[in-house]
C-alpha atoms as a PDB file:
ATOM      1  CA  MET A   1     -15.680  29.675 -37.651  1.00  0.00           C
ATOM      2  CA  ALA A   2     -18.275  26.903 -37.390  1.00  0.00           C
ATOM      3  CA  ASN A   3     -15.620  24.469 -38.573  1.00  0.00           C
ATOM      4  CA  LEU A   4     -13.268  25.640 -35.809  1.00  0.00           C
ATOM      5  CA  LYS A   5     -15.987  25.157 -33.202  1.00  0.00           C
ATOM      6  CA  ASP A   6     -16.678  21.625 -34.460  1.00  0.00           C
ATOM      7  CA  ILE A   7     -13.010  20.734 -34.219  1.00  0.00           C
ATOM      8  CA  GLN A   8     -12.766  22.230 -30.720  1.00  0.00           C
ATOM      9  CA  ARG A   9     -15.808  20.201 -29.665  1.00  0.00           C
ATOM     10  CA  LYS A  10     -14.199  17.014 -31.009  1.00  0.00           C
ATOM     11  CA  ILE A  11     -10.919  17.775 -29.235  1.00  0.00           C
ATOM     12  CA  LYS A  12     -12.760  18.239 -25.945  1.00  0.00           C
ATOM     13  CA  SER A  13     -14.736  15.016 -26.435  1.00  0.00           C
ATOM     14  CA  VAL A  14     -11.729  12.872 -27.355  1.00  0.00           C
ATOM     15  CA  SER A  15      -9.669  14.383 -24.509  1.00  0.00           C
ATOM     16  CA  GLY A  16     -12.439  13.390 -22.077  1.00  0.00           C
ATOM     17  CA  THR A  17     -12.409   9.851 -23.487  1.00  0.00           C
ATOM     18  CA  GLN A  18      -8.623   9.763 -23.122  1.00  0.00           C
ATOM     19  CA  LYS A  19      -8.877  10.647 -19.423  1.00  0.00           C
ATOM     20  CA  THR A  20     -11.480   7.916 -18.907  1.00  0.00           C
ATOM     21  CA  THR A  21      -9.466   5.200 -20.660  1.00  0.00           C
ATOM     22  CA  ARG A  22      -6.306   6.226 -18.777  1.00  0.00           C
ATOM     23  CA  ALA A  23      -8.168   5.941 -15.467  1.00  0.00           C
ATOM     24  CA  MET A  24      -9.612   2.551 -16.457  1.00  0.00           C
ATOM     25  CA  LYS A  25      -6.122   1.327 -17.355  1.00  0.00           C
ATOM     26  CA  LEU A  26      -4.812   2.333 -13.911  1.00  0.00           C
ATOM     27  CA  VAL A  27      -7.755   0.604 -12.199  1.00  0.00           C
ATOM     28  CA  SER A  28      -7.196  -2.587 -14.225  1.00  0.00           C
ATOM     29  CA  THR A  29      -3.475  -2.514 -13.421  1.00  0.00           C
ATOM     30  CA  ALA A  30      -4.198  -2.326  -9.687  1.00  0.00           C
ATOM     31  CA  LYS A  31      -6.805  -5.099  -9.918  1.00  0.00           C
ATOM     32  CA  LEU A  32      -4.421  -7.241 -11.958  1.00  0.00           C
ATOM     33  CA  ARG A  33      -1.803  -7.085  -9.214  1.00  0.00           C
ATOM     34  CA  ARG A  34      -4.332  -8.283  -6.640  1.00  0.00           C
ATOM     35  CA  ALA A  35      -5.539 -11.045  -8.975  1.00  0.00           C
ATOM     36  CA  GLU A  36      -1.929 -12.136  -9.598  1.00  0.00           C
ATOM     37  CA  GLU A  37      -1.295 -12.381  -5.867  1.00  0.00           C
ATOM     38  CA  LEU A  38      -4.483 -14.413  -5.379  1.00  0.00           C
ATOM     39  CA  ALA A  39      -3.491 -16.719  -8.245  1.00  0.00           C
ATOM     40  CA  LYS A  40      -0.066 -17.301  -6.690  1.00  0.00           C
ATOM     41  CA  ARG A  41      -1.570 -18.203  -3.313  1.00  0.00           C
ATOM     42  CA  SER A  42      -4.113 -20.459  -4.985  1.00  0.00           C
ATOM     43  CA  SER A  43      -1.432 -22.236  -7.016  1.00  0.00           C
ATOM     44  CA  LEU A  44       0.398 -23.109  -3.783  1.00  0.00           C
ATOM     45  CA  TYR A  45      -2.769 -24.775  -2.490  1.00  0.00           C
ATOM     46  CA  ALA A  46      -3.189 -26.618  -5.805  1.00  0.00           C
ATOM     47  CA  ILE A  47       0.395 -27.897  -5.619  1.00  0.00           C
ATOM     48  CA  LYS A  48      -0.175 -29.189  -2.081  1.00  0.00           C
ATOM     49  CA  LEU A  49      -3.479 -30.801  -3.067  1.00  0.00           C
ATOM     50  CA  ASN A  50      -1.831 -32.562  -6.013  1.00  0.00           C
ATOM     51  CA  GLU A  51       1.007 -33.695  -3.769  1.00  0.00           C
ATOM     52  CA  VAL A  52      -1.370 -35.315  -1.244  1.00  0.00           C
ATOM     53  CA  LEU A  53      -3.446 -36.820  -4.071  1.00  0.00           C
ATOM     54  CA  SER A  54      -0.292 -38.287  -5.641  1.00  0.00           C
ATOM     55  CA  LYS A  55       0.789 -39.874  -2.370  1.00  0.00           C
ATOM     56  CA  ILE A  56      -2.606 -41.396  -1.630  1.00  0.00           C
ATOM     57  CA  ALA A  57      -3.021 -42.525  -5.237  1.00  0.00           C
ATOM     58  CA  GLY A  58       0.393 -44.202  -5.018  1.00  0.00           C
ATOM     59  CA  SER A  59      -0.532 -45.929  -1.774  1.00  0.00           C
ATOM     60  CA  LEU A  60      -3.885 -47.172  -3.093  1.00  0.00           C
ATOM     61  CA  ASP A  61      -2.482 -48.158  -6.482  1.00  0.00           C
ATOM     62  CA  SER A  62       0.039 -50.472  -4.840  1.00  0.00           C
ATOM     63  CA  SER A  63      -2.572 -51.994  -2.501  1.00  0.00           C
ATOM     64  CA  GLN A  64      -5.249 -52.702  -5.143  1.00  0.00           C
ATOM     65  CA  GLU A  65      -4.875 -55.419  -7.751  1.00  0.00           C
ATOM     66  CA  GLY A  66      -6.788 -53.549 -10.436  1.00  0.00           C
ATOM     67  CA  GLY A  67      -5.110 -50.233  -9.670  1.00  0.00           C
ATOM     68  CA  LEU A  68      -7.079 -47.096  -8.922  1.00  0.00           C
ATOM     69  CA  GLU A  69     -10.837 -47.423  -9.164  1.00  0.00           C
ATOM     70  CA  SER A  70     -13.275 -44.522  -8.987  1.00  0.00           C
ATOM     71  CA  LEU A  71     -16.263 -43.153 -10.864  1.00  0.00           C
ATOM     72  CA  TYR A  72     -14.165 -40.035 -11.441  1.00  0.00           C
ATOM     73  CA  PHE A  73     -11.879 -42.121 -13.693  1.00  0.00           C
ATOM     74  CA  ALA A  74     -14.687 -43.953 -15.508  1.00  0.00           C
ATOM     75  CA  GLU A  75     -14.434 -43.699 -19.302  1.00  0.00           C
ATOM     76  CA  ALA A  76     -17.690 -44.214 -21.218  1.00  0.00           C
ATOM     77  CA  ASP A  77     -17.710 -46.839 -23.961  1.00  0.00           C
ATOM     78  CA  GLU A  78     -19.474 -44.358 -26.207  1.00  0.00           C
ATOM     79  CA  VAL A  79     -19.628 -40.608 -25.649  1.00  0.00           C
ATOM     80  CA  LYS A  80     -23.233 -39.480 -26.133  1.00  0.00           C
ATOM     81  CA  ARG A  81     -23.559 -36.438 -23.835  1.00  0.00           C
ATOM     82  CA  VAL A  82     -20.951 -33.815 -22.951  1.00  0.00           C
ATOM     83  CA  SER A  83     -21.068 -30.849 -20.573  1.00  0.00           C
ATOM     84  CA  LEU A  84     -19.118 -27.721 -21.495  1.00  0.00           C
ATOM     85  CA  VAL A  85     -18.393 -25.478 -18.512  1.00  0.00           C
ATOM     86  CA  PHE A  86     -16.990 -22.126 -19.626  1.00  0.00           C
ATOM     87  CA  VAL A  87     -15.992 -18.828 -18.041  1.00  0.00           C
ATOM     88  CA  THR A  88     -16.309 -15.347 -19.551  1.00  0.00           C
ATOM     89  CA  ALA A  89     -16.323 -11.873 -18.018  1.00  0.00           C
ATOM     90  CA  ASP A  90     -19.371  -9.967 -16.802  1.00  0.00           C
ATOM     91  CA  LYS A  91     -18.087  -6.795 -18.488  1.00  0.00           C
ATOM     92  CA  GLY A  92     -16.685  -5.806 -21.859  1.00  0.00           C
ATOM     93  CA  LEU A  93     -14.014  -3.272 -22.877  1.00  0.00           C
ATOM     94  CA  CYS A  94     -11.322  -5.963 -22.681  1.00  0.00           C
ATOM     95  CA  GLY A  95     -10.481  -6.475 -26.339  1.00  0.00           C
ATOM     96  CA  ALA A  96     -10.998  -9.957 -27.760  1.00  0.00           C
ATOM     97  CA  PHE A  97     -10.877 -11.604 -24.315  1.00  0.00           C
ATOM     98  CA  ASN A  98     -14.521 -12.747 -24.240  1.00  0.00           C
ATOM     99  CA  HIS A  99     -14.711 -13.406 -27.970  1.00  0.00           C
ATOM    100  CA  ALA A 100     -11.794 -15.866 -27.762  1.00  0.00           C
ATOM    101  CA  THR A 101     -13.612 -17.999 -25.165  1.00  0.00           C
ATOM    102  CA  ILE A 102     -16.942 -17.824 -27.001  1.00  0.00           C
ATOM    103  CA  LYS A 103     -15.224 -18.798 -30.248  1.00  0.00           C
ATOM    104  CA  GLN A 104     -13.539 -21.797 -28.586  1.00  0.00           C
ATOM    105  CA  VAL A 105     -16.784 -22.986 -26.956  1.00  0.00           C
ATOM    106  CA  SER A 106     -18.701 -22.586 -30.222  1.00  0.00           C
ATOM    107  CA  LYS A 107     -16.040 -24.540 -32.122  1.00  0.00           C
ATOM    108  CA  LEU A 108     -15.971 -27.413 -29.613  1.00  0.00           C
ATOM    109  CA  LYS A 109     -19.781 -27.472 -29.449  1.00  0.00           C
ATOM    110  CA  ARG A 110     -20.049 -27.650 -33.242  1.00  0.00           C
ATOM    111  CA  GLU A 111     -17.431 -30.427 -33.515  1.00  0.00           C
ATOM    112  CA  LEU A 112     -19.191 -32.543 -30.883  1.00  0.00           C
ATOM    113  CA  GLU A 113     -22.653 -32.040 -32.383  1.00  0.00           C
ATOM    114  CA  GLU A 114     -21.344 -33.048 -35.818  1.00  0.00           C
ATOM    115  CA  LYS A 115     -20.421 -36.392 -34.213  1.00  0.00           C
ATOM    116  CA  GLY A 116     -23.949 -36.786 -32.883  1.00  0.00           C
ATOM    117  CA  VAL A 117     -23.042 -35.839 -29.303  1.00  0.00           C
ATOM    118  CA  GLU A 118     -25.555 -33.939 -27.168  1.00  0.00           C
ATOM    119  CA  VAL A 119     -23.910 -30.822 -25.686  1.00  0.00           C
ATOM    120  CA  LYS A 120     -24.950 -29.157 -22.437  1.00  0.00           C
ATOM    121  CA  LEU A 121     -23.707 -25.634 -21.713  1.00  0.00           C
ATOM    122  CA  HIS A 122     -22.901 -24.380 -18.207  1.00  0.00           C
ATOM    123  CA  ALA A 123     -22.004 -20.692 -18.386  1.00  0.00           C
ATOM    124  CA  VAL A 124     -20.226 -18.364 -15.973  1.00  0.00           C
ATOM    125  CA  GLY A 125     -20.117 -14.698 -16.995  1.00  0.00           C
ATOM    126  CA  LYS A 126     -22.678 -12.304 -18.445  1.00  0.00           C
ATOM    127  CA  LYS A 127     -20.987 -11.910 -21.844  1.00  0.00           C
ATOM    128  CA  GLY A 128     -20.991 -15.620 -22.658  1.00  0.00           C
ATOM    129  CA  ILE A 129     -24.527 -16.079 -21.357  1.00  0.00           C
ATOM    130  CA  GLU A 130     -25.857 -13.196 -23.473  1.00  0.00           C
ATOM    131  CA  TYR A 131     -24.113 -14.480 -26.619  1.00  0.00           C
ATOM    132  CA  PHE A 132     -25.446 -18.028 -26.474  1.00  0.00           C
ATOM    133  CA  LYS A 133     -28.924 -16.924 -25.411  1.00  0.00           C
ATOM    134  CA  TYR A 134     -29.020 -14.537 -28.375  1.00  0.00           C
ATOM    135  CA  ASN A 135     -28.043 -17.441 -30.643  1.00  0.00           C
ATOM    136  CA  LYS A 136     -30.856 -19.596 -29.191  1.00  0.00           C
ATOM    137  CA  ALA A 137     -28.460 -22.093 -27.560  1.00  0.00           C
ATOM    138  CA  ASN A 138     -29.815 -24.009 -24.575  1.00  0.00           C
ATOM    139  CA  ILE A 139     -27.935 -23.152 -21.363  1.00  0.00           C
ATOM    140  CA  GLU A 140     -28.400 -25.695 -18.572  1.00  0.00           C
ATOM    141  CA  ASP A 141     -27.312 -23.326 -15.799  1.00  0.00           C
ATOM    142  CA  SER A 142     -25.556 -19.991 -15.530  1.00  0.00           C
ATOM    143  CA  ALA A 143     -23.977 -17.631 -13.018  1.00  0.00           C
ATOM    144  CA  ILE A 144     -23.473 -13.865 -13.176  1.00  0.00           C
ATOM    145  CA  GLY A 145     -21.141 -12.115 -10.731  1.00  0.00           C
ATOM    146  CA  LEU A 146     -19.003 -15.204 -10.103  1.00  0.00           C
ATOM    147  CA  SER A 147     -16.279 -14.527 -12.678  1.00  0.00           C
ATOM    148  CA  SER A 148     -15.888 -10.906 -11.528  1.00  0.00           C
ATOM    149  CA  ALA A 149     -15.713 -11.921  -7.843  1.00  0.00           C
ATOM    150  CA  PRO A 150     -14.527 -15.560  -7.510  1.00  0.00           C
ATOM    151  CA  ASP A 151     -15.924 -17.252  -4.438  1.00  0.00           C
ATOM    152  CA  TYR A 152     -15.010 -20.802  -3.453  1.00  0.00           C
ATOM    153  CA  ASP A 153     -18.407 -21.755  -2.034  1.00  0.00           C
ATOM    154  CA  ARG A 154     -20.256 -20.390  -5.066  1.00  0.00           C
ATOM    155  CA  ALA A 155     -17.811 -22.152  -7.375  1.00  0.00           C
ATOM    156  CA  ILE A 156     -18.535 -25.450  -5.599  1.00  0.00           C
ATOM    157  CA  GLY A 157     -22.265 -24.769  -5.783  1.00  0.00           C
ATOM    158  CA  PHE A 158     -21.998 -24.213  -9.533  1.00  0.00           C
ATOM    159  CA  ILE A 159     -19.826 -27.236 -10.415  1.00  0.00           C
ATOM    160  CA  THR A 160     -21.440 -29.777  -8.037  1.00  0.00           C
ATOM    161  CA  PRO A 161     -24.557 -30.457 -10.221  1.00  0.00           C
ATOM    162  CA  VAL A 162     -22.234 -30.962 -13.209  1.00  0.00           C
ATOM    163  CA  VAL A 163     -20.094 -33.447 -11.256  1.00  0.00           C
ATOM    164  CA  ASP A 164     -23.213 -35.228  -9.990  1.00  0.00           C
ATOM    165  CA  GLY A 165     -24.443 -35.492 -13.560  1.00  0.00           C
ATOM    166  CA  PHE A 166     -21.212 -37.248 -14.553  1.00  0.00           C
ATOM    167  CA  VAL A 167     -21.174 -39.553 -11.509  1.00  0.00           C
ATOM    168  CA  ASN A 168     -24.821 -40.500 -12.122  1.00  0.00           C
ATOM    169  CA  GLY A 169     -24.122 -41.269 -15.785  1.00  0.00           C
ATOM    170  CA  GLU A 170     -26.163 -38.363 -17.165  1.00  0.00           C
ATOM    171  CA  VAL A 171     -23.126 -37.058 -19.079  1.00  0.00           C
ATOM    172  CA  ASP A 172     -20.045 -38.907 -20.331  1.00  0.00           C
ATOM    173  CA  LYS A 173     -17.490 -36.078 -20.324  1.00  0.00           C
ATOM    174  CA  VAL A 174     -17.041 -32.644 -18.816  1.00  0.00           C
ATOM    175  CA  TYR A 175     -14.806 -29.952 -20.315  1.00  0.00           C
ATOM    176  CA  LEU A 176     -13.740 -26.715 -18.630  1.00  0.00           C
ATOM    177  CA  ILE A 177     -12.963 -23.800 -20.974  1.00  0.00           C
ATOM    178  CA  HIS A 178     -11.575 -20.405 -19.989  1.00  0.00           C
ATOM    179  CA  ASN A 179      -9.176 -17.726 -21.189  1.00  0.00           C
ATOM    180  CA  GLY A 180      -6.296 -17.903 -18.710  1.00  0.00           C
ATOM    181  CA  TYR A 181      -3.510 -15.611 -17.566  1.00  0.00           C
ATOM    182  CA  LYS A 182      -0.029 -16.213 -18.988  1.00  0.00           C
ATOM    183  CA  ASN A 183       1.660 -12.878 -18.311  1.00  0.00           C
ATOM    184  CA  MET A 184       0.795  -9.178 -18.268  1.00  0.00           C
ATOM    185  CA  ILE A 185       0.528  -8.972 -22.052  1.00  0.00           C
ATOM    186  CA  THR A 186      -0.627 -12.483 -22.981  1.00  0.00           C
ATOM    187  CA  GLN A 187      -3.716 -14.581 -22.348  1.00  0.00           C
ATOM    188  CA  GLU A 188      -3.889 -18.313 -23.015  1.00  0.00           C
ATOM    189  CA  MET A 189      -6.976 -20.314 -24.011  1.00  0.00           C
ATOM    190  CA  LYS A 190      -7.306 -23.377 -21.788  1.00  0.00           C
ATOM    191  CA  VAL A 191      -9.506 -26.379 -22.568  1.00  0.00           C
ATOM    192  CA  THR A 192      -9.361 -28.982 -19.801  1.00  0.00           C
ATOM    193  CA  GLN A 193     -11.069 -32.362 -19.661  1.00  0.00           C
ATOM    194  CA  LEU A 194     -12.373 -32.065 -16.135  1.00  0.00           C
ATOM    195  CA  LEU A 195     -14.106 -35.463 -16.060  1.00  0.00           C
ATOM    196  CA  PRO A 196     -13.296 -38.264 -16.348  1.00  0.00           C
ATOM    197  CA  ILE A 197      -9.959 -37.535 -14.713  1.00  0.00           C
ATOM    198  CA  ASP A 198      -7.054 -39.039 -16.616  1.00  0.00           C
ATOM    199  CA  ALA A 199      -5.515 -41.366 -14.002  1.00  0.00           C
ATOM    200  CA  SER A 200      -2.287 -41.550 -16.039  1.00  0.00           C
ATOM    201  CA  LYS A 201      -1.703 -37.833 -15.410  1.00  0.00           C
ATOM    202  CA  ILE A 202      -1.711 -38.311 -11.655  1.00  0.00           C
ATOM    203  CA  GLU A 203       1.842 -38.945 -10.567  1.00  0.00           C
ATOM    204  CA  LYS A 204       1.697 -41.825  -8.096  1.00  0.00           C
ATOM    205  CA  LYS A 205       4.224 -41.432  -5.289  1.00  0.00           C
ATOM    206  CA  GLN A 206       5.030 -44.116  -2.744  1.00  0.00           C
ATOM    207  CA  ASP A 207       5.321 -42.674   0.758  1.00  0.00           C
ATOM    208  CA  ALA A 208       6.153 -45.014   3.639  1.00  0.00           C
ATOM    209  CA  THR A 209       4.974 -42.402   6.157  1.00  0.00           C
ATOM    210  CA  LEU A 210       1.495 -42.229   4.598  1.00  0.00           C
ATOM    211  CA  GLU A 211      -0.903 -44.885   5.807  1.00  0.00           C
ATOM    212  CA  VAL A 212      -4.479 -45.274   4.630  1.00  0.00           C
ATOM    213  CA  GLU A 213      -6.749 -47.728   6.389  1.00  0.00           C
ATOM    214  CA  ALA A 214      -8.282 -50.337   4.079  1.00  0.00           C
ATOM    215  CA  TYR A 215     -11.853 -49.598   5.138  1.00  0.00           C
ATOM    216  CA  ASN A 216     -11.717 -45.933   4.099  1.00  0.00           C
ATOM    217  CA  GLU A 217      -9.531 -46.125   0.979  1.00  0.00           C
ATOM    218  CA  GLU A 218     -12.403 -45.382  -1.395  1.00  0.00           C
ATOM    219  CA  LEU A 219     -13.748 -42.577   0.800  1.00  0.00           C
ATOM    220  CA  VAL A 220     -10.356 -40.870   0.961  1.00  0.00           C
ATOM    221  CA  LEU A 221      -9.836 -41.152  -2.784  1.00  0.00           C
ATOM    222  CA  GLU A 222     -13.370 -39.975  -3.655  1.00  0.00           C
ATOM    223  CA  THR A 223     -13.078 -37.004  -1.295  1.00  0.00           C
ATOM    224  CA  LEU A 224      -9.728 -35.938  -2.739  1.00  0.00           C
ATOM    225  CA  LEU A 225     -10.864 -36.344  -6.347  1.00  0.00           C
ATOM    226  CA  LYS A 226     -14.013 -34.308  -5.680  1.00  0.00           C
ATOM    227  CA  LYS A 227     -11.886 -31.604  -4.059  1.00  0.00           C
ATOM    228  CA  TYR A 228      -9.523 -31.760  -7.053  1.00  0.00           C
ATOM    229  CA  VAL A 229     -12.397 -31.121  -9.494  1.00  0.00           C
ATOM    230  CA  GLU A 230     -13.924 -28.375  -7.351  1.00  0.00           C
ATOM    231  CA  TYR A 231     -10.628 -26.566  -7.018  1.00  0.00           C
ATOM    232  CA  ASN A 232     -10.057 -26.724 -10.770  1.00  0.00           C
ATOM    233  CA  MET A 233     -13.338 -24.844 -11.168  1.00  0.00           C
ATOM    234  CA  TYR A 234     -12.398 -22.239  -8.567  1.00  0.00           C
ATOM    235  CA  TYR A 235      -8.891 -21.747  -9.946  1.00  0.00           C
ATOM    236  CA  SER A 236     -10.265 -21.251 -13.475  1.00  0.00           C
ATOM    237  CA  LEU A 237     -12.274 -18.283 -12.127  1.00  0.00           C
ATOM    238  CA  ILE A 238      -9.174 -16.709 -10.565  1.00  0.00           C
ATOM    239  CA  ASP A 239      -7.083 -17.406 -13.656  1.00  0.00           C
ATOM    240  CA  SER A 240      -9.775 -15.947 -15.917  1.00  0.00           C
ATOM    241  CA  LEU A 241     -10.134 -12.830 -13.748  1.00  0.00           C
ATOM    242  CA  ALA A 242      -6.391 -12.118 -13.901  1.00  0.00           C
ATOM    243  CA  ALA A 243      -6.483 -12.576 -17.678  1.00  0.00           C
ATOM    244  CA  GLU A 244      -9.515 -10.284 -17.941  1.00  0.00           C
ATOM    245  CA  HIS A 245      -7.757  -7.453 -16.077  1.00  0.00           C
ATOM    246  CA  SER A 246      -4.658  -7.980 -18.207  1.00  0.00           C
ATOM    247  CA  ALA A 247      -6.710  -7.804 -21.424  1.00  0.00           C
ATOM    248  CA  ARG A 248      -8.622  -4.721 -20.236  1.00  0.00           C
ATOM    249  CA  MET A 249      -5.396  -2.991 -19.207  1.00  0.00           C
ATOM    250  CA  GLN A 250      -4.003  -3.535 -22.722  1.00  0.00           C
ATOM    251  CA  ALA A 251      -7.250  -2.477 -24.386  1.00  0.00           C
ATOM    252  CA  MET A 252      -7.447   0.737 -22.347  1.00  0.00           C
ATOM    253  CA  ASP A 253      -3.762   1.462 -22.991  1.00  0.00           C
ATOM    254  CA  ALA A 254      -4.344   1.109 -26.741  1.00  0.00           C
ATOM    255  CA  ALA A 255      -7.488   3.267 -26.513  1.00  0.00           C
ATOM    256  CA  THR A 256      -5.583   5.953 -24.585  1.00  0.00           C
ATOM    257  CA  ASN A 257      -2.804   6.013 -27.180  1.00  0.00           C
ATOM    258  CA  ASN A 258      -5.326   6.158 -30.014  1.00  0.00           C
ATOM    259  CA  ALA A 259      -7.154   9.052 -28.322  1.00  0.00           C
ATOM    260  CA  LYS A 260      -3.855  10.866 -27.810  1.00  0.00           C
ATOM    261  CA  GLU A 261      -2.999  10.476 -31.496  1.00  0.00           C
ATOM    262  CA  MET A 262      -6.502  11.616 -32.498  1.00  0.00           C
ATOM    263  CA  VAL A 263      -6.221  14.753 -30.326  1.00  0.00           C
ATOM    264  CA  LYS A 264      -2.850  15.488 -31.932  1.00  0.00           C
ATOM    265  CA  ASN A 265      -4.334  15.201 -35.442  1.00  0.00           C
ATOM    266  CA  LEU A 266      -7.371  17.303 -34.483  1.00  0.00           C
ATOM    267  CA  LYS A 267      -5.113  20.041 -33.124  1.00  0.00           C
ATOM    268  CA  VAL A 268      -3.220  20.074 -36.421  1.00  0.00           C
ATOM    269  CA  GLN A 269      -6.562  20.390 -38.251  1.00  0.00           C
ATOM    270  CA  PHE A 270      -7.611  23.156 -35.856  1.00  0.00           C
ATOM    271  CA  ASN A 271      -4.402  25.138 -36.437  1.00  0.00           C
ATOM    272  CA  LYS A 272      -4.725  24.762 -40.214  1.00  0.00           C
ATOM    273  CA  ALA A 273      -8.369  25.854 -40.132  1.00  0.00           C
ATOM    274  CA  ARG A 274      -7.482  28.821 -37.911  1.00  0.00           C
ATOM    275  CA  GLN A 275      -4.658  29.870 -40.236  1.00  0.00           C
ATOM    276  CA  GLU A 276      -6.989  29.607 -43.221  1.00  0.00           C
ATOM    277  CA  SER A 277      -9.574  31.724 -41.380  1.00  0.00           C
ATOM    278  CA  ILE A 278      -6.985  34.389 -40.492  1.00  0.00           C
ATOM    279  CA  THR A 279      -5.639  34.410 -44.058  1.00  0.00           C
ATOM    280  CA  THR A 280      -9.169  34.772 -45.448  1.00  0.00           C
ATOM    281  CA  GLU A 281      -9.897  37.698 -43.094  1.00  0.00           C
ATOM    282  CA  LEU A 282      -6.637  39.440 -44.045  1.00  0.00           C
ATOM    283  CA  ILE A 283      -7.409  39.046 -47.740  1.00  0.00           C
ATOM    284  CA  GLU A 284     -10.870  40.517 -47.199  1.00  0.00           C
ATOM    285  CA  ILE A 285      -9.435  43.483 -45.249  1.00  0.00           C
ATOM    286  CA  ILE A 286      -6.735  44.168 -47.840  1.00  0.00           C
ATOM    287  CA  SER A 287      -9.274  43.807 -50.681  1.00  0.00           C
ATOM    288  CA  GLY A 288     -11.575  46.267 -48.893  1.00  0.00           C
ATOM    289  CA  VAL A 289      -8.769  48.804 -48.412  1.00  0.00           C
ATOM    290  CA  GLU A 290      -7.709  48.477 -52.046  1.00  0.00           C
ATOM    291  CA  SER A 291     -11.269  49.016 -53.256  1.00  0.00           C
ATOM    292  CA  MET A 292     -11.507  52.276 -51.244  1.00  0.00           C
ATOM    293  CA  LYS A 293      -8.468  53.802 -52.964  1.00  0.00           C
END
């Protein structure tokens, strides 16, 4: 009977876990929908920002003999220092979501260091911070609570020192790494060269209705490029959050199904053990009756 009690205890425990994982899946599904909606609204802003940037870049490109000029486009003759800005989640229970980002950052860091490049880490998210601190990696700056609740002002506050470091010549390149949202069942690792901005990727559009005064050409361009970089940082947080909820939803769905299958197997074991117990008792009763004859 002790065996039956053990199995019953396991069934109760696994059933409780199943209820928890099912609830977590439903919560992640609801959060994913909100994150998707936020990502859609944010992408509309990004499209408009790129459109204005393209028009102004086209206007300035045609008015300047040397084309577009800005520190944001400046390529270093030799890359000696690189900043890696990466985003992970503050929480776990989302499958390989965090591990994928950490693996990508570690790989890029190793490749750069093998070339003699000094790497500076700028971490968003508790999981990534804990991993690299445990492995004795030097983290320049970090933020907890930003990836789980993206905030534009905080995002700007985090990326501004990194941008200033590039503009001042303290670093030669800046990469942005995060695990992004592709669809409800797929995440996509994204590695973006944030700085210097590749001027060839900016589509230059001529617009006769757009006029930029000569005296503030550089100011307009610098302001737009800074906004472009800042928004890339903010959007990566939103994109990462949607991907995190998607990954957690899948992980909890798989955990729920596994718990369901485990309960099913435990019930089969319980029934077999109960049948064996009943059979044993019947044999003992019959044996006792036979011995009394």
